[in-house]
Amino acid sequence: MNRFLTRYLIPFAALVFTSCGEETYVYPDLITEMVCLKTDNQGFGTYFVTDEGRTWHLSKENQPDSLTADSTYRVVSRYVPLNETDAKAYSFYKTISTLPKLESEYESIHTDPVSIQSIWRSGDYLNMVLQVLVKDQEHELSFIETALRTNETNRKQTLMLTLYHDRKGDVEGFYQKFYLSVPLWHYKGILNKGDMIVFQLNTYKEGVIQRTFTY
């Protein structure tokens, strides 16, 4: 199983801010959103695509490197457009964006609690920002596909997903923010427009809750 460090949300492109002389650097108004970063055959992140389908190209000096070649990374980006086609990125942060697995693929199921900061559907993804109480242990977070049901009357389908969270016995010390993104493109050809997605997760304050979205 994939494991994720919960104490740190690690940037994989550290872009340095600089200023000239004694002047104070004034930061531009940055856009912060989840995007898909695309790499070339040498492992450079050359451009990224928003969930609305907008493509932003990065100049050579602004490209993250040492990535897997010819790949797509789901990331949180902080950037500013420069013109109609180009943007300057100030940071990229990895998200947890693994494909949902069936319950049978897990040795045991853990649904330790989290706190929801936000959850929303955009493009081919179901996105969320969660707060998790951590101290010094490694947590595991992923997505479980618990059911895919069909209504016999109208033939509409409902995809049931659950947040998998194993805190590995960690002490609930302080909140750490996590970005997660369920790849709904995995269900193309399976789900149809108008089908439902029900996402279930265990929370600190309300216990087990559900959020429902239209595909």
N, C-alpha and C. Protein backbone atom coordinates (compact mmCIF):
# COMPACT_ATOMS: atom_id res chain seq x y z
N MET A 1 0.83 -1.20 0.00
CA MET A 1 0.00 0.00 0.00
C MET A 1 0.86 1.26 0.00
N ASN A 2 0.38 2.31 -0.60
CA ASN A 2 1.09 3.57 -0.59
C ASN A 2 0.97 4.23 0.77
N ARG A 3 2.07 4.80 1.23
CA ARG A 3 2.07 5.49 2.51
C ARG A 3 2.45 6.94 2.31
N PHE A 4 1.89 7.81 3.14
CA PHE A 4 2.10 9.24 2.96
C PHE A 4 2.50 9.84 4.30
N LEU A 5 3.54 10.67 4.30
CA LEU A 5 3.94 11.38 5.51
C LEU A 5 2.92 12.46 5.80
N THR A 6 2.39 12.45 7.03
CA THR A 6 1.35 13.42 7.35
C THR A 6 1.88 14.67 8.01
N ARG A 7 3.11 14.68 8.44
CA ARG A 7 3.61 15.89 9.09
C ARG A 7 3.97 16.96 8.07
N TYR A 8 4.27 16.56 6.87
CA TYR A 8 4.74 17.54 5.90
C TYR A 8 4.03 17.35 4.57
N LEU A 9 3.59 18.45 4.01
CA LEU A 9 3.12 18.47 2.63
C LEU A 9 4.30 18.96 1.82
N ILE A 10 4.98 18.07 1.11
CA ILE A 10 6.31 18.36 0.59
C ILE A 10 6.23 19.00 -0.79
N PRO A 11 6.76 20.22 -0.97
CA PRO A 11 6.81 20.82 -2.31
C PRO A 11 7.86 20.11 -3.14
N PHE A 12 7.54 19.80 -4.40
CA PHE A 12 8.56 19.20 -5.25
C PHE A 12 9.08 20.18 -6.26
N ALA A 13 8.63 21.43 -6.19
CA ALA A 13 9.27 22.50 -6.98
C ALA A 13 9.43 23.69 -6.06
N ALA A 14 10.63 23.92 -5.58
CA ALA A 14 10.87 25.05 -4.69
C ALA A 14 11.32 26.22 -5.53
N LEU A 15 10.41 27.15 -5.76
CA LEU A 15 10.71 28.31 -6.59
C LEU A 15 11.01 29.49 -5.69
N VAL A 16 12.17 30.11 -5.88
CA VAL A 16 12.68 31.11 -4.95
C VAL A 16 12.22 32.50 -5.34
N PHE A 17 11.71 33.25 -4.37
CA PHE A 17 11.36 34.65 -4.59
C PHE A 17 12.62 35.51 -4.39
N THR A 18 12.81 36.48 -5.27
CA THR A 18 13.95 37.39 -5.12
C THR A 18 13.48 38.82 -5.34
N SER A 19 14.27 39.75 -4.86
CA SER A 19 13.96 41.16 -5.08
C SER A 19 15.24 41.90 -5.44
N CYS A 20 15.08 43.07 -5.97
CA CYS A 20 16.23 43.84 -6.42
C CYS A 20 16.60 44.90 -5.39
N GLY A 21 17.88 44.99 -5.09
CA GLY A 21 18.37 46.04 -4.19
C GLY A 21 17.69 46.00 -2.84
N GLU A 22 17.34 47.18 -2.35
CA GLU A 22 16.72 47.28 -1.04
C GLU A 22 15.21 47.30 -1.11
N GLU A 23 14.66 47.20 -2.32
CA GLU A 23 13.22 47.29 -2.47
C GLU A 23 12.53 46.06 -1.87
N THR A 24 11.37 46.29 -1.30
CA THR A 24 10.58 45.19 -0.76
C THR A 24 9.82 44.52 -1.89
N TYR A 25 9.93 43.18 -1.95
CA TYR A 25 9.25 42.45 -3.02
C TYR A 25 7.74 42.43 -2.73
N VAL A 26 6.93 42.77 -3.72
CA VAL A 26 5.48 42.74 -3.59
C VAL A 26 4.96 41.52 -4.34
N TYR A 27 4.38 40.59 -3.61
CA TYR A 27 3.89 39.37 -4.24
C TYR A 27 2.64 39.66 -5.06
N PRO A 28 2.52 39.05 -6.24
CA PRO A 28 1.30 39.24 -7.04
C PRO A 28 0.14 38.47 -6.43
N ASP A 29 -1.06 38.76 -6.92
CA ASP A 29 -2.23 38.00 -6.48
C ASP A 29 -2.17 36.61 -7.12
N LEU A 30 -1.91 35.60 -6.30
CA LEU A 30 -1.72 34.25 -6.81
C LEU A 30 -3.03 33.48 -6.88
N ILE A 31 -3.15 32.65 -7.90
CA ILE A 31 -4.26 31.71 -8.01
C ILE A 31 -3.79 30.40 -7.39
N THR A 32 -4.60 29.84 -6.50
CA THR A 32 -4.28 28.56 -5.89
C THR A 32 -5.37 27.57 -6.25
N GLU A 33 -5.00 26.49 -6.94
CA GLU A 33 -5.99 25.48 -7.32
C GLU A 33 -5.30 24.16 -7.64
N MET A 34 -6.10 23.09 -7.65
CA MET A 34 -5.60 21.78 -8.05
C MET A 34 -5.58 21.70 -9.57
N VAL A 35 -4.46 21.24 -10.11
CA VAL A 35 -4.27 21.15 -11.55
C VAL A 35 -3.54 19.85 -11.89
N CYS A 36 -3.40 19.58 -13.17
CA CYS A 36 -2.63 18.43 -13.64
C CYS A 36 -1.36 18.93 -14.32
N LEU A 37 -0.21 18.63 -13.71
CA LEU A 37 1.08 19.04 -14.23
C LEU A 37 1.60 17.97 -15.18
N LYS A 38 2.00 18.38 -16.39
CA LYS A 38 2.47 17.45 -17.42
C LYS A 38 3.99 17.56 -17.57
N THR A 39 4.66 16.41 -17.70
CA THR A 39 6.11 16.40 -17.87
C THR A 39 6.49 15.97 -19.28
N ASP A 40 7.68 16.41 -19.70
CA ASP A 40 8.17 16.01 -21.02
C ASP A 40 9.02 14.75 -20.91
N ASN A 41 9.70 14.40 -22.00
CA ASN A 41 10.46 13.14 -22.00
C ASN A 41 11.76 13.22 -21.20
N GLN A 42 12.05 14.39 -20.62
CA GLN A 42 13.23 14.53 -19.77
C GLN A 42 12.85 14.75 -18.30
N GLY A 43 11.57 14.68 -17.98
CA GLY A 43 11.15 14.83 -16.60
C GLY A 43 10.98 16.26 -16.13
N PHE A 44 10.85 17.21 -17.05
CA PHE A 44 10.58 18.60 -16.70
C PHE A 44 9.07 18.85 -16.79
N GLY A 45 8.52 19.57 -15.80
CA GLY A 45 7.13 19.96 -15.85
C GLY A 45 6.98 21.16 -16.77
N THR A 46 6.48 20.93 -17.97
CA THR A 46 6.48 21.98 -18.98
C THR A 46 5.19 22.79 -19.02
N TYR A 47 4.08 22.18 -18.59
CA TYR A 47 2.81 22.92 -18.58
C TYR A 47 1.84 22.23 -17.64
N PHE A 48 0.77 22.94 -17.27
CA PHE A 48 -0.27 22.33 -16.45
C PHE A 48 -1.64 22.69 -17.00
N VAL A 49 -2.62 21.85 -16.68
CA VAL A 49 -3.98 22.00 -17.20
C VAL A 49 -4.93 22.11 -16.02
N THR A 50 -5.78 23.13 -16.05
CA THR A 50 -6.77 23.30 -14.98
C THR A 50 -7.95 22.36 -15.21
N ASP A 51 -8.81 22.23 -14.21
CA ASP A 51 -9.98 21.37 -14.34
C ASP A 51 -10.99 21.91 -15.34
N GLU A 52 -10.88 23.18 -15.69
CA GLU A 52 -11.74 23.77 -16.71
C GLU A 52 -11.16 23.58 -18.11
N GLY A 53 -9.99 22.94 -18.19
CA GLY A 53 -9.38 22.67 -19.48
C GLY A 53 -8.43 23.73 -19.99
N ARG A 54 -8.10 24.72 -19.16
CA ARG A 54 -7.18 25.80 -19.55
C ARG A 54 -5.74 25.30 -19.40
N THR A 55 -4.94 25.49 -20.44
CA THR A 55 -3.53 25.07 -20.42
C THR A 55 -2.63 26.28 -20.18
N TRP A 56 -1.70 26.13 -19.24
CA TRP A 56 -0.73 27.18 -18.94
C TRP A 56 0.67 26.61 -19.13
N HIS A 57 1.46 27.28 -19.96
CA HIS A 57 2.83 26.85 -20.24
C HIS A 57 3.81 27.55 -19.29
N LEU A 58 4.88 26.82 -18.95
CA LEU A 58 5.90 27.33 -18.04
C LEU A 58 7.20 27.57 -18.80
N SER A 59 7.86 28.68 -18.51
CA SER A 59 9.15 28.95 -19.13
C SER A 59 10.19 27.97 -18.58
N LYS A 60 11.30 27.79 -19.28
CA LYS A 60 12.31 26.80 -18.89
C LYS A 60 12.83 27.04 -17.47
N GLU A 61 13.04 28.31 -17.12
CA GLU A 61 13.58 28.60 -15.77
C GLU A 61 12.53 28.42 -14.68
N ASN A 62 11.29 28.15 -15.06
CA ASN A 62 10.20 28.03 -14.09
C ASN A 62 9.62 26.62 -14.05
N GLN A 63 10.36 25.66 -14.63
CA GLN A 63 9.85 24.30 -14.71
C GLN A 63 10.43 23.42 -13.59
N PRO A 64 9.57 22.72 -12.84
CA PRO A 64 10.09 21.74 -11.88
C PRO A 64 10.77 20.60 -12.63
N ASP A 65 11.81 20.03 -12.02
CA ASP A 65 12.56 18.98 -12.71
C ASP A 65 12.66 17.73 -11.85
N SER A 66 13.42 16.76 -12.36
CA SER A 66 13.65 15.48 -11.68
C SER A 66 12.35 14.73 -11.42
N LEU A 67 11.38 14.87 -12.32
CA LEU A 67 10.12 14.16 -12.21
C LEU A 67 10.12 12.97 -13.17
N THR A 68 9.09 12.14 -13.09
CA THR A 68 8.97 11.02 -14.01
C THR A 68 8.62 11.53 -15.39
N ALA A 69 9.34 11.08 -16.39
CA ALA A 69 9.14 11.56 -17.75
C ALA A 69 7.78 11.14 -18.30
N ASP A 70 7.23 12.00 -19.15
CA ASP A 70 5.97 11.72 -19.86
C ASP A 70 4.87 11.28 -18.90
N SER A 71 4.69 12.04 -17.84
CA SER A 71 3.73 11.68 -16.80
C SER A 71 2.83 12.85 -16.45
N THR A 72 1.78 12.55 -15.69
CA THR A 72 0.86 13.57 -15.20
C THR A 72 0.87 13.53 -13.68
N TYR A 73 1.06 14.67 -13.04
CA TYR A 73 1.02 14.79 -11.59
C TYR A 73 -0.20 15.62 -11.20
N ARG A 74 -0.98 15.11 -10.26
CA ARG A 74 -2.07 15.90 -9.69
C ARG A 74 -1.48 16.72 -8.55
N VAL A 75 -1.55 18.04 -8.65
CA VAL A 75 -0.87 18.91 -7.69
C VAL A 75 -1.74 20.10 -7.32
N VAL A 76 -1.37 20.75 -6.24
CA VAL A 76 -1.89 22.07 -5.91
C VAL A 76 -0.86 23.08 -6.39
N SER A 77 -1.30 24.01 -7.23
CA SER A 77 -0.38 25.00 -7.79
C SER A 77 -0.74 26.40 -7.30
N ARG A 78 0.29 27.19 -7.06
CA ARG A 78 0.13 28.62 -6.78
C ARG A 78 0.84 29.34 -7.92
N TYR A 79 0.05 30.07 -8.73
CA TYR A 79 0.61 30.64 -9.95
C TYR A 79 -0.08 31.96 -10.29
N VAL A 80 0.53 32.65 -11.26
CA VAL A 80 -0.06 33.89 -11.77
C VAL A 80 0.06 33.86 -13.30
N PRO A 81 -1.03 34.13 -14.03
CA PRO A 81 -0.94 34.20 -15.49
C PRO A 81 -0.07 35.39 -15.93
N LEU A 82 0.73 35.17 -16.98
CA LEU A 82 1.56 36.23 -17.54
C LEU A 82 0.94 36.81 -18.80
N ASN A 83 0.26 35.96 -19.56
CA ASN A 83 -0.45 36.38 -20.77
C ASN A 83 -1.53 35.34 -21.04
N GLU A 84 -1.97 35.21 -22.27
CA GLU A 84 -3.06 34.29 -22.57
C GLU A 84 -2.65 32.82 -22.55
N THR A 85 -1.35 32.53 -22.64
CA THR A 85 -0.90 31.14 -22.73
C THR A 85 0.13 30.74 -21.67
N ASP A 86 0.80 31.71 -21.07
CA ASP A 86 1.90 31.41 -20.16
C ASP A 86 1.57 31.84 -18.73
N ALA A 87 2.17 31.11 -17.77
CA ALA A 87 1.99 31.44 -16.37
C ALA A 87 3.31 31.26 -15.63
N LYS A 88 3.44 31.95 -14.51
CA LYS A 88 4.58 31.75 -13.62
C LYS A 88 4.10 31.02 -12.39
N ALA A 89 4.71 29.86 -12.12
CA ALA A 89 4.34 29.06 -10.95
C ALA A 89 5.26 29.40 -9.79
N TYR A 90 4.67 29.56 -8.61
CA TYR A 90 5.45 29.86 -7.41
C TYR A 90 5.64 28.63 -6.54
N SER A 91 4.78 27.64 -6.69
CA SER A 91 4.96 26.39 -5.97
C SER A 91 4.03 25.33 -6.53
N PHE A 92 4.44 24.08 -6.37
CA PHE A 92 3.60 22.93 -6.65
C PHE A 92 3.68 22.01 -5.43
N TYR A 93 2.54 21.45 -5.04
CA TYR A 93 2.49 20.53 -3.92
C TYR A 93 1.76 19.27 -4.34
N LYS A 94 2.32 18.14 -3.97
CA LYS A 94 1.69 16.87 -4.31
C LYS A 94 0.36 16.70 -3.59
N THR A 95 -0.59 16.07 -4.27
CA THR A 95 -1.83 15.67 -3.62
C THR A 95 -1.85 14.14 -3.51
N ILE A 96 -2.72 13.63 -2.66
CA ILE A 96 -2.98 12.19 -2.62
C ILE A 96 -4.05 11.93 -3.67
N SER A 97 -3.70 11.24 -4.73
CA SER A 97 -4.61 11.07 -5.86
C SER A 97 -4.51 9.66 -6.43
N THR A 98 -4.53 8.67 -5.55
CA THR A 98 -4.46 7.28 -5.98
C THR A 98 -5.82 6.80 -6.49
N LEU A 99 -5.81 5.78 -7.34
CA LEU A 99 -7.05 5.20 -7.83
C LEU A 99 -7.77 4.48 -6.69
N PRO A 100 -9.09 4.60 -6.61
CA PRO A 100 -9.83 3.84 -5.59
C PRO A 100 -9.61 2.34 -5.76
N LYS A 101 -9.50 1.65 -4.63
CA LYS A 101 -9.33 0.21 -4.64
C LYS A 101 -10.54 -0.46 -4.00
N LEU A 102 -10.81 -1.68 -4.39
CA LEU A 102 -11.90 -2.44 -3.80
C LEU A 102 -11.56 -2.83 -2.38
N GLU A 103 -12.58 -3.04 -1.56
CA GLU A 103 -12.35 -3.45 -0.17
C GLU A 103 -11.52 -4.72 -0.08
N SER A 104 -11.72 -5.61 -1.04
CA SER A 104 -11.01 -6.90 -1.01
C SER A 104 -9.51 -6.75 -1.22
N GLU A 105 -9.08 -5.58 -1.71
CA GLU A 105 -7.65 -5.36 -1.95
C GLU A 105 -6.91 -4.90 -0.70
N TYR A 106 -7.64 -4.62 0.36
CA TYR A 106 -7.03 -4.21 1.63
C TYR A 106 -6.96 -5.39 2.59
N GLU A 107 -5.88 -5.49 3.33
CA GLU A 107 -5.76 -6.52 4.36
C GLU A 107 -6.75 -6.25 5.49
N SER A 108 -6.93 -5.01 5.82
CA SER A 108 -7.91 -4.59 6.82
C SER A 108 -8.33 -3.16 6.50
N ILE A 109 -9.53 -2.79 6.93
CA ILE A 109 -10.08 -1.47 6.61
C ILE A 109 -9.96 -0.56 7.83
N HIS A 110 -9.38 0.62 7.62
CA HIS A 110 -9.25 1.62 8.67
C HIS A 110 -9.94 2.90 8.21
N THR A 111 -10.75 3.48 9.08
CA THR A 111 -11.43 4.74 8.77
C THR A 111 -11.27 5.69 9.96
N ASP A 112 -10.03 5.95 10.32
CA ASP A 112 -9.76 6.88 11.41
C ASP A 112 -10.26 8.27 11.02
N PRO A 113 -10.64 9.09 12.00
CA PRO A 113 -11.32 10.36 11.69
C PRO A 113 -10.42 11.44 11.10
N VAL A 114 -11.09 12.38 10.44
CA VAL A 114 -10.46 13.57 9.87
C VAL A 114 -11.43 14.73 10.07
N SER A 115 -11.01 15.91 9.69
CA SER A 115 -11.89 17.07 9.70
C SER A 115 -11.94 17.63 8.27
N ILE A 116 -13.15 17.92 7.78
CA ILE A 116 -13.30 18.44 6.42
C ILE A 116 -13.14 19.96 6.42
N GLN A 117 -12.21 20.45 5.62
CA GLN A 117 -12.12 21.90 5.39
C GLN A 117 -12.97 22.27 4.18
N SER A 118 -12.87 21.46 3.12
CA SER A 118 -13.72 21.65 1.94
C SER A 118 -13.70 20.38 1.10
N ILE A 119 -14.77 20.19 0.32
CA ILE A 119 -14.85 19.07 -0.60
C ILE A 119 -15.71 19.49 -1.77
N TRP A 120 -15.24 19.22 -3.01
CA TRP A 120 -15.96 19.70 -4.18
C TRP A 120 -15.59 18.85 -5.40
N ARG A 121 -16.46 18.88 -6.39
CA ARG A 121 -16.23 18.20 -7.66
C ARG A 121 -15.80 19.23 -8.69
N SER A 122 -14.74 18.91 -9.46
CA SER A 122 -14.34 19.77 -10.57
C SER A 122 -13.66 18.92 -11.63
N GLY A 123 -14.04 19.11 -12.89
CA GLY A 123 -13.45 18.33 -13.97
C GLY A 123 -13.62 16.85 -13.74
N ASP A 124 -12.54 16.12 -13.90
CA ASP A 124 -12.55 14.67 -13.73
C ASP A 124 -12.11 14.24 -12.34
N TYR A 125 -12.29 15.11 -11.34
CA TYR A 125 -11.80 14.81 -10.00
C TYR A 125 -12.82 15.19 -8.93
N LEU A 126 -12.77 14.47 -7.83
CA LEU A 126 -13.46 14.85 -6.60
C LEU A 126 -12.37 15.27 -5.64
N ASN A 127 -12.36 16.56 -5.28
CA ASN A 127 -11.27 17.15 -4.51
C ASN A 127 -11.68 17.40 -3.06
N MET A 128 -10.69 17.41 -2.20
CA MET A 128 -10.98 17.73 -0.80
C MET A 128 -9.73 18.25 -0.11
N VAL A 129 -9.97 19.10 0.87
CA VAL A 129 -8.92 19.58 1.77
C VAL A 129 -9.32 19.11 3.16
N LEU A 130 -8.47 18.28 3.76
CA LEU A 130 -8.78 17.70 5.06
C LEU A 130 -7.75 18.16 6.09
N GLN A 131 -8.20 18.23 7.33
CA GLN A 131 -7.31 18.49 8.47
C GLN A 131 -7.23 17.21 9.29
N VAL A 132 -6.00 16.78 9.57
CA VAL A 132 -5.79 15.52 10.29
C VAL A 132 -4.94 15.80 11.53
N LEU A 133 -5.35 15.26 12.66
CA LEU A 133 -4.57 15.39 13.88
C LEU A 133 -3.40 14.41 13.85
N VAL A 134 -2.19 14.94 13.95
CA VAL A 134 -0.97 14.14 13.83
C VAL A 134 0.02 14.51 14.93
N LYS A 135 1.03 13.66 15.05
CA LYS A 135 2.16 14.01 15.91
C LYS A 135 3.46 13.63 15.22
N ASP A 136 3.81 12.34 15.23
CA ASP A 136 5.10 11.95 14.65
C ASP A 136 5.08 10.60 13.96
N GLN A 137 3.90 10.08 13.66
CA GLN A 137 3.81 8.78 13.00
C GLN A 137 3.36 8.93 11.54
N GLU A 138 3.60 7.90 10.77
CA GLU A 138 3.24 7.88 9.36
C GLU A 138 1.80 7.41 9.22
N HIS A 139 0.97 8.20 8.53
CA HIS A 139 -0.42 7.85 8.28
C HIS A 139 -0.56 7.30 6.87
N GLU A 140 -1.65 6.59 6.65
CA GLU A 140 -1.95 6.09 5.31
C GLU A 140 -3.34 6.58 4.90
N LEU A 141 -3.43 7.22 3.74
CA LEU A 141 -4.70 7.74 3.24
C LEU A 141 -4.89 7.29 1.79
N SER A 142 -6.09 6.83 1.49
CA SER A 142 -6.41 6.44 0.12
C SER A 142 -7.93 6.36 0.00
N PHE A 143 -8.42 5.75 -1.08
CA PHE A 143 -9.85 5.72 -1.35
C PHE A 143 -10.32 4.29 -1.58
N ILE A 144 -11.47 3.95 -1.00
CA ILE A 144 -12.05 2.62 -1.15
C ILE A 144 -13.31 2.71 -2.00
N GLU A 145 -13.42 1.85 -2.99
CA GLU A 145 -14.67 1.69 -3.72
C GLU A 145 -15.48 0.60 -3.03
N THR A 146 -16.54 0.99 -2.34
CA THR A 146 -17.30 0.03 -1.54
C THR A 146 -18.47 -0.58 -2.30
N ALA A 147 -19.00 0.14 -3.31
CA ALA A 147 -20.13 -0.42 -4.07
C ALA A 147 -20.37 0.39 -5.32
N LEU A 148 -20.95 -0.25 -6.33
CA LEU A 148 -21.45 0.41 -7.53
C LEU A 148 -22.83 -0.17 -7.78
N ARG A 149 -23.85 0.60 -7.44
CA ARG A 149 -25.22 0.11 -7.47
C ARG A 149 -26.00 0.70 -8.64
N THR A 150 -26.97 -0.07 -9.14
CA THR A 150 -27.83 0.39 -10.22
C THR A 150 -29.28 0.38 -9.76
N ASN A 151 -29.96 1.52 -9.94
CA ASN A 151 -31.38 1.61 -9.62
C ASN A 151 -32.17 0.88 -10.72
N GLU A 152 -32.92 -0.13 -10.32
CA GLU A 152 -33.62 -0.96 -11.30
C GLU A 152 -34.74 -0.20 -12.01
N THR A 153 -35.20 0.88 -11.42
CA THR A 153 -36.30 1.65 -12.02
C THR A 153 -35.82 2.59 -13.12
N ASN A 154 -34.83 3.44 -12.78
CA ASN A 154 -34.37 4.43 -13.76
C ASN A 154 -32.99 4.12 -14.34
N ARG A 155 -32.37 3.02 -13.89
CA ARG A 155 -31.06 2.56 -14.37
C ARG A 155 -29.93 3.51 -14.02
N LYS A 156 -30.19 4.48 -13.14
CA LYS A 156 -29.13 5.36 -12.67
C LYS A 156 -28.22 4.59 -11.71
N GLN A 157 -26.92 4.93 -11.77
CA GLN A 157 -25.95 4.25 -10.92
C GLN A 157 -25.51 5.15 -9.76
N THR A 158 -25.09 4.51 -8.69
CA THR A 158 -24.52 5.22 -7.54
C THR A 158 -23.19 4.57 -7.18
N LEU A 159 -22.13 5.36 -7.25
CA LEU A 159 -20.80 4.90 -6.86
C LEU A 159 -20.57 5.27 -5.41
N MET A 160 -20.24 4.28 -4.59
CA MET A 160 -20.00 4.49 -3.16
C MET A 160 -18.49 4.45 -2.91
N LEU A 161 -17.97 5.55 -2.38
CA LEU A 161 -16.55 5.65 -2.05
C LEU A 161 -16.38 5.97 -0.57
N THR A 162 -15.30 5.48 0.02
CA THR A 162 -14.99 5.73 1.43
C THR A 162 -13.55 6.16 1.57
N LEU A 163 -13.30 7.12 2.46
CA LEU A 163 -11.92 7.51 2.75
C LEU A 163 -11.27 6.45 3.64
N TYR A 164 -10.15 5.92 3.19
CA TYR A 164 -9.33 5.02 4.01
C TYR A 164 -8.31 5.88 4.75
N HIS A 165 -8.27 5.75 6.07
CA HIS A 165 -7.31 6.50 6.88
C HIS A 165 -6.85 5.63 8.03
N ASP A 166 -5.58 5.28 8.01
CA ASP A 166 -4.95 4.52 9.09
C ASP A 166 -3.90 5.42 9.72
N ARG A 167 -4.14 5.84 10.95
CA ARG A 167 -3.21 6.78 11.60
C ARG A 167 -2.05 6.04 12.29
N LYS A 168 -2.02 4.72 12.21
CA LYS A 168 -0.91 3.91 12.72
C LYS A 168 -0.66 4.15 14.21
N GLY A 169 -1.74 4.39 14.95
CA GLY A 169 -1.60 4.59 16.38
C GLY A 169 -1.02 5.94 16.77
N ASP A 170 -0.97 6.88 15.85
CA ASP A 170 -0.40 8.19 16.13
C ASP A 170 -1.23 8.95 17.16
N VAL A 171 -0.57 9.78 17.95
CA VAL A 171 -1.23 10.62 18.94
C VAL A 171 -1.87 11.81 18.22
N GLU A 172 -3.05 12.22 18.67
CA GLU A 172 -3.74 13.37 18.07
C GLU A 172 -3.14 14.65 18.64
N GLY A 173 -2.07 15.11 18.03
CA GLY A 173 -1.32 16.25 18.54
C GLY A 173 -1.76 17.59 17.98
N PHE A 174 -1.58 17.78 16.68
CA PHE A 174 -1.92 19.06 16.06
C PHE A 174 -2.45 18.79 14.66
N TYR A 175 -3.18 19.78 14.11
CA TYR A 175 -3.77 19.60 12.79
C TYR A 175 -2.75 19.82 11.67
N GLN A 176 -2.78 18.93 10.71
CA GLN A 176 -1.98 19.07 9.49
C GLN A 176 -2.93 19.01 8.29
N LYS A 177 -2.75 19.93 7.34
CA LYS A 177 -3.62 20.01 6.18
C LYS A 177 -3.18 19.01 5.11
N PHE A 178 -4.16 18.36 4.50
CA PHE A 178 -3.90 17.42 3.39
C PHE A 178 -4.80 17.74 2.21
N TYR A 179 -4.23 17.64 1.01
CA TYR A 179 -4.98 17.79 -0.22
C TYR A 179 -5.15 16.41 -0.86
N LEU A 180 -6.40 16.07 -1.20
CA LEU A 180 -6.69 14.78 -1.82
C LEU A 180 -7.57 15.00 -3.04
N SER A 181 -7.43 14.10 -4.01
CA SER A 181 -8.16 14.26 -5.26
C SER A 181 -8.46 12.87 -5.84
N VAL A 182 -9.74 12.49 -5.87
CA VAL A 182 -10.14 11.19 -6.40
C VAL A 182 -10.21 11.27 -7.93
N PRO A 183 -9.46 10.43 -8.65
CA PRO A 183 -9.50 10.47 -10.12
C PRO A 183 -10.79 9.84 -10.66
N LEU A 184 -11.78 10.67 -10.94
CA LEU A 184 -13.05 10.16 -11.46
C LEU A 184 -12.94 9.72 -12.92
N TRP A 185 -11.88 10.14 -13.61
CA TRP A 185 -11.68 9.66 -14.98
C TRP A 185 -11.53 8.15 -15.02
N HIS A 186 -11.22 7.56 -13.89
CA HIS A 186 -11.10 6.11 -13.78
C HIS A 186 -12.43 5.42 -14.11
N TYR A 187 -13.54 6.18 -13.98
CA TYR A 187 -14.88 5.59 -14.17
C TYR A 187 -15.51 5.98 -15.51
N LYS A 188 -14.72 6.56 -16.42
CA LYS A 188 -15.24 6.85 -17.75
C LYS A 188 -15.60 5.54 -18.44
N GLY A 189 -16.76 5.52 -19.06
CA GLY A 189 -17.24 4.30 -19.68
C GLY A 189 -18.00 3.40 -18.73
N ILE A 190 -17.96 3.75 -17.44
CA ILE A 190 -18.71 3.01 -16.40
C ILE A 190 -19.85 3.86 -15.87
N LEU A 191 -19.51 5.08 -15.43
CA LEU A 191 -20.53 6.02 -14.99
C LEU A 191 -21.01 6.87 -16.16
N ASN A 192 -22.26 7.29 -16.08
CA ASN A 192 -22.85 8.15 -17.11
C ASN A 192 -23.29 9.47 -16.48
N LYS A 193 -23.48 10.47 -17.32
CA LYS A 193 -23.93 11.76 -16.83
C LYS A 193 -25.24 11.61 -16.06
N GLY A 194 -25.28 12.19 -14.87
CA GLY A 194 -26.46 12.08 -14.03
C GLY A 194 -26.36 11.01 -12.97
N ASP A 195 -25.38 10.10 -13.09
CA ASP A 195 -25.16 9.12 -12.02
C ASP A 195 -24.66 9.83 -10.77
N MET A 196 -24.74 9.16 -9.64
CA MET A 196 -24.39 9.78 -8.36
C MET A 196 -23.10 9.20 -7.79
N ILE A 197 -22.38 10.05 -7.08
CA ILE A 197 -21.18 9.63 -6.35
C ILE A 197 -21.41 9.98 -4.88
N VAL A 198 -21.32 9.00 -4.02
CA VAL A 198 -21.48 9.21 -2.58
C VAL A 198 -20.14 8.94 -1.91
N PHE A 199 -19.58 9.98 -1.28
CA PHE A 199 -18.28 9.85 -0.61
C PHE A 199 -18.51 9.86 0.90
N GLN A 200 -18.00 8.83 1.56
CA GLN A 200 -18.20 8.67 3.01
C GLN A 200 -16.86 8.79 3.73
N LEU A 201 -16.89 9.47 4.87
CA LEU A 201 -15.69 9.59 5.68
C LEU A 201 -16.06 9.77 7.14
N ASN A 202 -15.15 9.39 7.99
CA ASN A 202 -15.32 9.48 9.44
C ASN A 202 -14.72 10.79 9.92
N THR A 203 -15.50 11.57 10.70
CA THR A 203 -15.03 12.88 11.15
C THR A 203 -14.93 12.92 12.67
N TYR A 204 -14.10 13.84 13.16
CA TYR A 204 -13.91 13.97 14.60
C TYR A 204 -15.19 14.39 15.32
N LYS A 205 -15.93 15.33 14.74
CA LYS A 205 -17.06 15.93 15.44
C LYS A 205 -18.40 15.27 15.15
N GLU A 206 -18.59 14.78 13.92
CA GLU A 206 -19.91 14.28 13.53
C GLU A 206 -19.97 12.78 13.32
N GLY A 207 -18.84 12.11 13.47
CA GLY A 207 -18.82 10.69 13.17
C GLY A 207 -18.83 10.45 11.66
N VAL A 208 -19.42 9.36 11.24
CA VAL A 208 -19.44 9.01 9.82
C VAL A 208 -20.48 9.86 9.08
N ILE A 209 -20.03 10.54 8.04
CA ILE A 209 -20.93 11.39 7.24
C ILE A 209 -20.75 11.08 5.76
N GLN A 210 -21.68 11.56 4.94
CA GLN A 210 -21.61 11.36 3.50
C GLN A 210 -21.77 12.69 2.77
N ARG A 211 -21.14 12.80 1.64
CA ARG A 211 -21.33 13.92 0.72
C ARG A 211 -21.66 13.34 -0.66
N THR A 212 -22.68 13.91 -1.31
CA THR A 212 -23.18 13.37 -2.56
C THR A 212 -22.93 14.34 -3.71
N PHE A 213 -22.48 13.82 -4.86
CA PHE A 213 -22.16 14.61 -6.03
C PHE A 213 -22.74 13.97 -7.27
N THR A 214 -23.03 14.77 -8.28
CA THR A 214 -23.54 14.27 -9.55
C THR A 214 -22.39 14.10 -10.53
N TYR A 215 -22.34 12.97 -11.20
CA TYR A 215 -21.28 12.70 -12.17
C TYR A 215 -21.55 13.47 -13.46
